[in-house]
Amino acid sequence: MEIIPNPFSEVATINISFPYTDKATVKIYNYIGQQVAIVFEQEAIKKQAYKINFDGKHLNNGIYFVVVRTNQETKISKVVVSK
């Protein structure tokens, strides 16, 4: 998973691919664990590249976590909103 740019002020792009076909979700959480956005929720195709635009204009400055979940694994990356 790659998040560009990081930090960002308005919109970030989350680049991701999956090693297998599986149901996948990408959710954004704030630093206290509250879900603030769902940016992807669908069947992910094996080895297909996904570019997900995340609009963070409504978020306050701070640290957020991008959580990618499938039935087989969970990945977490940190992203910073700085306006």
PDB file of N, CA and C in Angstrom:
ATOM      1  N   MET A   1       0.859  -1.179   0.000  1.00  0.00           N
ATOM      2  CA  MET A   1       0.000   0.000   0.000  1.00  0.00           C
ATOM      3  C   MET A   1       0.893   1.227   0.000  1.00  0.00           C
ATOM      4  N   GLU A   2       0.497   2.202  -0.811  1.00  0.00           N
ATOM      5  CA  GLU A   2       1.220   3.474  -0.899  1.00  0.00           C
ATOM      6  C   GLU A   2       0.188   4.596  -0.822  1.00  0.00           C
ATOM      7  N   ILE A   3       0.488   5.617  -0.020  1.00  0.00           N
ATOM      8  CA  ILE A   3      -0.401   6.769   0.126  1.00  0.00           C
ATOM      9  C   ILE A   3       0.366   8.008  -0.326  1.00  0.00           C
ATOM     10  N   ILE A   4      -0.177   8.703  -1.344  1.00  0.00           N
ATOM     11  CA  ILE A   4       0.513   9.848  -1.937  1.00  0.00           C
ATOM     12  C   ILE A   4      -0.448  11.021  -2.018  1.00  0.00           C
ATOM     13  N   PRO A   5      -0.084  12.229  -1.645  1.00  0.00           N
ATOM     14  CA  PRO A   5       1.084  12.541  -0.815  1.00  0.00           C
ATOM     15  C   PRO A   5       0.781  12.221   0.652  1.00  0.00           C
ATOM     16  N   ASN A   6       1.792  12.164   1.434  1.00  0.00           N
ATOM     17  CA  ASN A   6       1.636  11.939   2.866  1.00  0.00           C
ATOM     18  C   ASN A   6       2.762  12.682   3.577  1.00  0.00           C
ATOM     19  N   PRO A   7       2.432  13.777   4.256  1.00  0.00           N
ATOM     20  CA  PRO A   7       1.122  14.293   4.626  1.00  0.00           C
ATOM     21  C   PRO A   7       0.389  14.930   3.439  1.00  0.00           C
ATOM     22  N   PHE A   8      -0.944  15.117   3.629  1.00  0.00           N
ATOM     23  CA  PHE A   8      -1.752  15.763   2.600  1.00  0.00           C
ATOM     24  C   PHE A   8      -2.703  16.751   3.252  1.00  0.00           C
ATOM     25  N   SER A   9      -3.247  17.658   2.413  1.00  0.00           N
ATOM     26  CA  SER A   9      -4.153  18.668   2.961  1.00  0.00           C
ATOM     27  C   SER A   9      -5.595  18.473   2.493  1.00  0.00           C
ATOM     28  N   GLU A  10      -5.795  17.981   1.276  1.00  0.00           N
ATOM     29  CA  GLU A  10      -7.156  17.844   0.762  1.00  0.00           C
ATOM     30  C   GLU A  10      -7.451  16.450   0.223  1.00  0.00           C
ATOM     31  N   VAL A  11      -6.661  15.977  -0.726  1.00  0.00           N
ATOM     32  CA  VAL A  11      -6.917  14.686  -1.356  1.00  0.00           C
ATOM     33  C   VAL A  11      -5.626  13.871  -1.396  1.00  0.00           C
ATOM     34  N   ALA A  12      -5.745  12.594  -1.017  1.00  0.00           N
ATOM     35  CA  ALA A  12      -4.627  11.662  -1.108  1.00  0.00           C
ATOM     36  C   ALA A  12      -5.057  10.494  -1.990  1.00  0.00           C
ATOM     37  N   THR A  13      -4.092   9.856  -2.621  1.00  0.00           N
ATOM     38  CA  THR A  13      -4.358   8.673  -3.419  1.00  0.00           C
ATOM     39  C   THR A  13      -3.766   7.463  -2.707  1.00  0.00           C
ATOM     40  N   ILE A  14      -4.601   6.450  -2.537  1.00  0.00           N
ATOM     41  CA  ILE A  14      -4.163   5.194  -1.929  1.00  0.00           C
ATOM     42  C   ILE A  14      -3.991   4.196  -3.066  1.00  0.00           C
ATOM     43  N   ASN A  15      -2.753   3.754  -3.275  1.00  0.00           N
ATOM     44  CA  ASN A  15      -2.453   2.767  -4.309  1.00  0.00           C
ATOM     45  C   ASN A  15      -2.287   1.408  -3.633  1.00  0.00           C
ATOM     46  N   ILE A  16      -3.014   0.430  -4.126  1.00  0.00           N
ATOM     47  CA  ILE A  16      -2.978  -0.878  -3.492  1.00  0.00           C
ATOM     48  C   ILE A  16      -3.258  -1.966  -4.508  1.00  0.00           C
ATOM     49  N   SER A  17      -2.695  -3.139  -4.272  1.00  0.00           N
ATOM     50  CA  SER A  17      -3.047  -4.337  -5.041  1.00  0.00           C
ATOM     51  C   SER A  17      -3.103  -5.505  -4.061  1.00  0.00           C
ATOM     52  N   PHE A  18      -3.768  -6.549  -4.454  1.00  0.00           N
ATOM     53  CA  PHE A  18      -3.988  -7.690  -3.580  1.00  0.00           C
ATOM     54  C   PHE A  18      -3.387  -8.943  -4.221  1.00  0.00           C
ATOM     55  N   PRO A  19      -2.778  -9.814  -3.436  1.00  0.00           N
ATOM     56  CA  PRO A  19      -2.151 -11.020  -4.000  1.00  0.00           C
ATOM     57  C   PRO A  19      -3.152 -12.129  -4.329  1.00  0.00           C
ATOM     58  N   TYR A  20      -4.441 -11.896  -4.035  1.00  0.00           N
ATOM     59  CA  TYR A  20      -5.469 -12.898  -4.261  1.00  0.00           C
ATOM     60  C   TYR A  20      -6.816 -12.195  -4.431  1.00  0.00           C
ATOM     61  N   THR A  21      -7.773 -12.880  -4.993  1.00  0.00           N
ATOM     62  CA  THR A  21      -9.118 -12.337  -5.127  1.00  0.00           C
ATOM     63  C   THR A  21      -9.850 -12.565  -3.804  1.00  0.00           C
ATOM     64  N   ASP A  22     -10.428 -11.497  -3.269  1.00  0.00           N
ATOM     65  CA  ASP A  22     -11.081 -11.576  -1.966  1.00  0.00           C
ATOM     66  C   ASP A  22     -11.919 -10.323  -1.750  1.00  0.00           C
ATOM     67  N   LYS A  23     -12.899 -10.395  -0.864  1.00  0.00           N
ATOM     68  CA  LYS A  23     -13.635  -9.200  -0.466  1.00  0.00           C
ATOM     69  C   LYS A  23     -12.677  -8.311   0.323  1.00  0.00           C
ATOM     70  N   ALA A  24     -12.677  -7.021   0.004  1.00  0.00           N
ATOM     71  CA  ALA A  24     -11.738  -6.101   0.654  1.00  0.00           C
ATOM     72  C   ALA A  24     -12.450  -4.817   1.063  1.00  0.00           C
ATOM     73  N   THR A  25     -11.961  -4.242   2.162  1.00  0.00           N
ATOM     74  CA  THR A  25     -12.430  -2.926   2.586  1.00  0.00           C
ATOM     75  C   THR A  25     -11.219  -2.065   2.911  1.00  0.00           C
ATOM     76  N   VAL A  26     -11.364  -0.771   2.636  1.00  0.00           N
ATOM     77  CA  VAL A  26     -10.367   0.216   3.042  1.00  0.00           C
ATOM     78  C   VAL A  26     -11.126   1.276   3.822  1.00  0.00           C
ATOM     79  N   LYS A  27     -10.786   1.397   5.107  1.00  0.00           N
ATOM     80  CA  LYS A  27     -11.462   2.344   5.987  1.00  0.00           C
ATOM     81  C   LYS A  27     -10.432   3.264   6.622  1.00  0.00           C
ATOM     82  N   ILE A  28     -10.884   4.465   6.954  1.00  0.00           N
ATOM     83  CA  ILE A  28     -10.025   5.460   7.587  1.00  0.00           C
ATOM     84  C   ILE A  28     -10.500   5.649   9.025  1.00  0.00           C
ATOM     85  N   TYR A  29      -9.542   5.645   9.953  1.00  0.00           N
ATOM     86  CA  TYR A  29      -9.835   5.832  11.378  1.00  0.00           C
ATOM     87  C   TYR A  29      -9.017   6.989  11.918  1.00  0.00           C
ATOM     88  N   ASN A  30      -9.578   7.709  12.886  1.00  0.00           N
ATOM     89  CA  ASN A  30      -8.805   8.760  13.543  1.00  0.00           C
ATOM     90  C   ASN A  30      -7.929   8.151  14.638  1.00  0.00           C
ATOM     91  N   TYR A  31      -7.177   8.983  15.336  1.00  0.00           N
ATOM     92  CA  TYR A  31      -6.199   8.495  16.308  1.00  0.00           C
ATOM     93  C   TYR A  31      -6.827   7.848  17.543  1.00  0.00           C
ATOM     94  N   ILE A  32      -8.134   8.055  17.758  1.00  0.00           N
ATOM     95  CA  ILE A  32      -8.782   7.406  18.900  1.00  0.00           C
ATOM     96  C   ILE A  32      -9.633   6.212  18.462  1.00  0.00           C
ATOM     97  N   GLY A  33      -9.483   5.807  17.204  1.00  0.00           N
ATOM     98  CA  GLY A  33     -10.122   4.596  16.720  1.00  0.00           C
ATOM     99  C   GLY A  33     -11.519   4.743  16.154  1.00  0.00           C
ATOM    100  N   GLN A  34     -11.977   5.971  15.963  1.00  0.00           N
ATOM    101  CA  GLN A  34     -13.295   6.190  15.364  1.00  0.00           C
ATOM    102  C   GLN A  34     -13.189   6.132  13.846  1.00  0.00           C
ATOM    103  N   GLN A  35     -14.082   5.372  13.231  1.00  0.00           N
ATOM    104  CA  GLN A  35     -14.101   5.309  11.776  1.00  0.00           C
ATOM    105  C   GLN A  35     -14.601   6.633  11.220  1.00  0.00           C
ATOM    106  N   VAL A  36     -13.849   7.221  10.276  1.00  0.00           N
ATOM    107  CA  VAL A  36     -14.247   8.501   9.687  1.00  0.00           C
ATOM    108  C   VAL A  36     -14.614   8.373   8.215  1.00  0.00           C
ATOM    109  N   ALA A  37     -14.257   7.262   7.569  1.00  0.00           N
ATOM    110  CA  ALA A  37     -14.594   7.094   6.149  1.00  0.00           C
ATOM    111  C   ALA A  37     -14.425   5.639   5.731  1.00  0.00           C
ATOM    112  N   ILE A  38     -15.252   5.241   4.769  1.00  0.00           N
ATOM    113  CA  ILE A  38     -15.061   3.980   4.048  1.00  0.00           C
ATOM    114  C   ILE A  38     -14.773   4.388   2.608  1.00  0.00           C
ATOM    115  N   VAL A  39     -13.588   4.051   2.106  1.00  0.00           N
ATOM    116  CA  VAL A  39     -13.210   4.505   0.767  1.00  0.00           C
ATOM    117  C   VAL A  39     -13.202   3.389  -0.274  1.00  0.00           C
ATOM    118  N   PHE A  40     -13.331   2.136   0.181  1.00  0.00           N
ATOM    119  CA  PHE A  40     -13.325   0.997  -0.745  1.00  0.00           C
ATOM    120  C   PHE A  40     -14.020  -0.163  -0.048  1.00  0.00           C
ATOM    121  N   GLU A  41     -14.974  -0.783  -0.742  1.00  0.00           N
ATOM    122  CA  GLU A  41     -15.663  -1.942  -0.188  1.00  0.00           C
ATOM    123  C   GLU A  41     -16.220  -2.744  -1.345  1.00  0.00           C
ATOM    124  N   GLN A  42     -15.428  -3.745  -1.779  1.00  0.00           N
ATOM    125  CA  GLN A  42     -15.826  -4.541  -2.933  1.00  0.00           C
ATOM    126  C   GLN A  42     -14.932  -5.760  -3.052  1.00  0.00           C
ATOM    127  N   GLU A  43     -15.243  -6.584  -4.020  1.00  0.00           N
ATOM    128  CA  GLU A  43     -14.404  -7.732  -4.338  1.00  0.00           C
ATOM    129  C   GLU A  43     -13.137  -7.216  -5.027  1.00  0.00           C
ATOM    130  N   ALA A  44     -11.995  -7.544  -4.461  1.00  0.00           N
ATOM    131  CA  ALA A  44     -10.711  -7.135  -5.053  1.00  0.00           C
ATOM    132  C   ALA A  44     -10.189  -8.285  -5.915  1.00  0.00           C
ATOM    133  N   ILE A  45      -9.755  -7.947  -7.104  1.00  0.00           N
ATOM    134  CA  ILE A  45      -9.266  -8.941  -8.062  1.00  0.00           C
ATOM    135  C   ILE A  45      -7.761  -9.139  -7.880  1.00  0.00           C
ATOM    136  N   LYS A  46      -7.345 -10.386  -7.910  1.00  0.00           N
ATOM    137  CA  LYS A  46      -5.938 -10.753  -7.733  1.00  0.00           C
ATOM    138  C   LYS A  46      -5.030  -9.962  -8.679  1.00  0.00           C
ATOM    139  N   LYS A  47      -4.012  -9.333  -8.102  1.00  0.00           N
ATOM    140  CA  LYS A  47      -2.948  -8.599  -8.807  1.00  0.00           C
ATOM    141  C   LYS A  47      -3.428  -7.382  -9.597  1.00  0.00           C
ATOM    142  N   GLN A  48      -4.657  -6.965  -9.431  1.00  0.00           N
ATOM    143  CA  GLN A  48      -5.139  -5.749 -10.082  1.00  0.00           C
ATOM    144  C   GLN A  48      -4.756  -4.553  -9.219  1.00  0.00           C
ATOM    145  N   ALA A  49      -4.266  -3.503  -9.848  1.00  0.00           N
ATOM    146  CA  ALA A  49      -3.892  -2.282  -9.125  1.00  0.00           C
ATOM    147  C   ALA A  49      -5.126  -1.396  -8.957  1.00  0.00           C
ATOM    148  N   TYR A  50      -5.293  -0.881  -7.747  1.00  0.00           N
ATOM    149  CA  TYR A  50      -6.405   0.022  -7.439  1.00  0.00           C
ATOM    150  C   TYR A  50      -5.845   1.369  -7.010  1.00  0.00           C
ATOM    151  N   LYS A  51      -6.413   2.421  -7.563  1.00  0.00           N
ATOM    152  CA  LYS A  51      -6.096   3.805  -7.168  1.00  0.00           C
ATOM    153  C   LYS A  51      -7.349   4.374  -6.528  1.00  0.00           C
ATOM    154  N   ILE A  52      -7.265   4.644  -5.238  1.00  0.00           N
ATOM    155  CA  ILE A  52      -8.422   5.122  -4.493  1.00  0.00           C
ATOM    156  C   ILE A  52      -8.168   6.556  -4.074  1.00  0.00           C
ATOM    157  N   ASN A  53      -8.986   7.476  -4.540  1.00  0.00           N
ATOM    158  CA  ASN A  53      -8.852   8.868  -4.133  1.00  0.00           C
ATOM    159  C   ASN A  53      -9.608   9.081  -2.826  1.00  0.00           C
ATOM    160  N   PHE A  54      -8.905   9.611  -1.848  1.00  0.00           N
ATOM    161  CA  PHE A  54      -9.487   9.856  -0.541  1.00  0.00           C
ATOM    162  C   PHE A  54      -9.571  11.355  -0.307  1.00  0.00           C
ATOM    163  N   ASP A  55     -10.805  11.855  -0.216  1.00  0.00           N
ATOM    164  CA  ASP A  55     -11.046  13.278   0.014  1.00  0.00           C
ATOM    165  C   ASP A  55     -11.063  13.533   1.514  1.00  0.00           C
ATOM    166  N   GLY A  56     -10.034  14.203   2.016  1.00  0.00           N
ATOM    167  CA  GLY A  56      -9.923  14.479   3.440  1.00  0.00           C
ATOM    168  C   GLY A  56     -10.192  15.923   3.800  1.00  0.00           C
ATOM    169  N   LYS A  57     -10.856  16.654   2.910  1.00  0.00           N
ATOM    170  CA  LYS A  57     -11.121  18.076   3.158  1.00  0.00           C
ATOM    171  C   LYS A  57     -11.908  18.308   4.439  1.00  0.00           C
ATOM    172  N   HIS A  58     -12.767  17.366   4.802  1.00  0.00           N
ATOM    173  CA  HIS A  58     -13.620  17.506   5.986  1.00  0.00           C
ATOM    174  C   HIS A  58     -12.910  17.124   7.291  1.00  0.00           C
ATOM    175  N   LEU A  59     -11.687  16.598   7.188  1.00  0.00           N
ATOM    176  CA  LEU A  59     -10.978  16.135   8.385  1.00  0.00           C
ATOM    177  C   LEU A  59     -10.160  17.248   9.028  1.00  0.00           C
ATOM    178  N   ASN A  60     -10.012  17.163  10.323  1.00  0.00           N
ATOM    179  CA  ASN A  60      -9.136  18.083  11.059  1.00  0.00           C
ATOM    180  C   ASN A  60      -7.693  17.645  10.888  1.00  0.00           C
ATOM    181  N   ASN A  61      -6.761  18.552  11.158  1.00  0.00           N
ATOM    182  CA  ASN A  61      -5.356  18.187  11.163  1.00  0.00           C
ATOM    183  C   ASN A  61      -5.133  17.042  12.134  1.00  0.00           C
ATOM    184  N   GLY A  62      -4.231  16.132  11.785  1.00  0.00           N
ATOM    185  CA  GLY A  62      -3.913  15.055  12.709  1.00  0.00           C
ATOM    186  C   GLY A  62      -3.475  13.787  12.017  1.00  0.00           C
ATOM    187  N   ILE A  63      -3.332  12.754  12.818  1.00  0.00           N
ATOM    188  CA  ILE A  63      -2.895  11.442  12.345  1.00  0.00           C
ATOM    189  C   ILE A  63      -4.126  10.555  12.174  1.00  0.00           C
ATOM    190  N   TYR A  64      -4.163   9.863  11.044  1.00  0.00           N
ATOM    191  CA  TYR A  64      -5.242   8.936  10.726  1.00  0.00           C
ATOM    192  C   TYR A  64      -4.626   7.616  10.290  1.00  0.00           C
ATOM    193  N   PHE A  65      -5.425   6.566  10.338  1.00  0.00           N
ATOM    194  CA  PHE A  65      -4.948   5.239   9.964  1.00  0.00           C
ATOM    195  C   PHE A  65      -5.799   4.685   8.833  1.00  0.00           C
ATOM    196  N   VAL A  66      -5.120   4.203   7.806  1.00  0.00           N
ATOM    197  CA  VAL A  66      -5.765   3.558   6.670  1.00  0.00           C
ATOM    198  C   VAL A  66      -5.701   2.056   6.950  1.00  0.00           C
ATOM    199  N   VAL A  67      -6.862   1.433   7.079  1.00  0.00           N
ATOM    200  CA  VAL A  67      -6.923   0.012   7.426  1.00  0.00           C
ATOM    201  C   VAL A  67      -7.505  -0.761   6.247  1.00  0.00           C
ATOM    202  N   VAL A  68      -6.701  -1.673   5.720  1.00  0.00           N
ATOM    203  CA  VAL A  68      -7.108  -2.522   4.602  1.00  0.00           C
ATOM    204  C   VAL A  68      -7.370  -3.916   5.159  1.00  0.00           C
ATOM    205  N   ARG A  69      -8.597  -4.396   4.961  1.00  0.00           N
ATOM    206  CA  ARG A  69      -8.964  -5.714   5.490  1.00  0.00           C
ATOM    207  C   ARG A  69      -9.475  -6.615   4.373  1.00  0.00           C
ATOM    208  N   THR A  70      -9.003  -7.845   4.410  1.00  0.00           N
ATOM    209  CA  THR A  70      -9.571  -8.922   3.605  1.00  0.00           C
ATOM    210  C   THR A  70      -9.871 -10.067   4.561  1.00  0.00           C
ATOM    211  N   ASN A  71     -10.404 -11.152   4.047  1.00  0.00           N
ATOM    212  CA  ASN A  71     -10.633 -12.320   4.889  1.00  0.00           C
ATOM    213  C   ASN A  71      -9.329 -12.962   5.350  1.00  0.00           C
ATOM    214  N   GLN A  72      -8.234 -12.644   4.664  1.00  0.00           N
ATOM    215  CA  GLN A  72      -6.962 -13.292   4.955  1.00  0.00           C
ATOM    216  C   GLN A  72      -5.969 -12.420   5.722  1.00  0.00           C
ATOM    217  N   GLU A  73      -6.119 -11.095   5.672  1.00  0.00           N
ATOM    218  CA  GLU A  73      -5.142 -10.243   6.346  1.00  0.00           C
ATOM    219  C   GLU A  73      -5.680  -8.842   6.592  1.00  0.00           C
ATOM    220  N   THR A  74      -4.964  -8.128   7.456  1.00  0.00           N
ATOM    221  CA  THR A  74      -5.240  -6.720   7.745  1.00  0.00           C
ATOM    222  C   THR A  74      -3.926  -5.963   7.653  1.00  0.00           C
ATOM    223  N   LYS A  75      -3.949  -4.839   6.942  1.00  0.00           N
ATOM    224  CA  LYS A  75      -2.773  -3.966   6.832  1.00  0.00           C
ATOM    225  C   LYS A  75      -3.171  -2.580   7.305  1.00  0.00           C
ATOM    226  N   ILE A  76      -2.252  -1.926   8.014  1.00  0.00           N
ATOM    227  CA  ILE A  76      -2.518  -0.583   8.557  1.00  0.00           C
ATOM    228  C   ILE A  76      -1.377   0.348   8.168  1.00  0.00           C
ATOM    229  N   SER A  77      -1.722   1.515   7.654  1.00  0.00           N
ATOM    230  CA  SER A  77      -0.737   2.548   7.345  1.00  0.00           C
ATOM    231  C   SER A  77      -1.191   3.871   7.970  1.00  0.00           C
ATOM    232  N   LYS A  78      -0.221   4.672   8.351  1.00  0.00           N
ATOM    233  CA  LYS A  78      -0.503   5.968   8.935  1.00  0.00           C
ATOM    234  C   LYS A  78      -0.480   7.038   7.849  1.00  0.00           C
ATOM    235  N   VAL A  79      -1.416   7.999   7.977  1.00  0.00           N
ATOM    236  CA  VAL A  79      -1.449   9.146   7.073  1.00  0.00           C
ATOM    237  C   VAL A  79      -1.677  10.391   7.921  1.00  0.00           C
ATOM    238  N   VAL A  80      -1.078  11.488   7.493  1.00  0.00           N
ATOM    239  CA  VAL A  80      -1.176  12.748   8.244  1.00  0.00           C
ATOM    240  C   VAL A  80      -1.920  13.780   7.414  1.00  0.00           C
ATOM    241  N   VAL A  81      -2.922  14.399   8.042  1.00  0.00           N
ATOM    242  CA  VAL A  81      -3.632  15.532   7.426  1.00  0.00           C
ATOM    243  C   VAL A  81      -3.040  16.799   8.015  1.00  0.00           C
ATOM    244  N   SER A  82      -2.546  17.681   7.131  1.00  0.00           N
ATOM    245  CA  SER A  82      -1.926  18.937   7.554  1.00  0.00           C
ATOM    246  C   SER A  82      -2.387  20.030   6.614  1.00  0.00           C
ATOM    247  N   LYS A  83      -3.200  20.948   7.150  1.00  0.00           N
ATOM    248  CA  LYS A  83      -3.773  22.009   6.301  1.00  0.00           C
ATOM    249  C   LYS A  83      -3.095  23.338   6.540  1.00  0.00           C
TER     250      LYS A  83
END
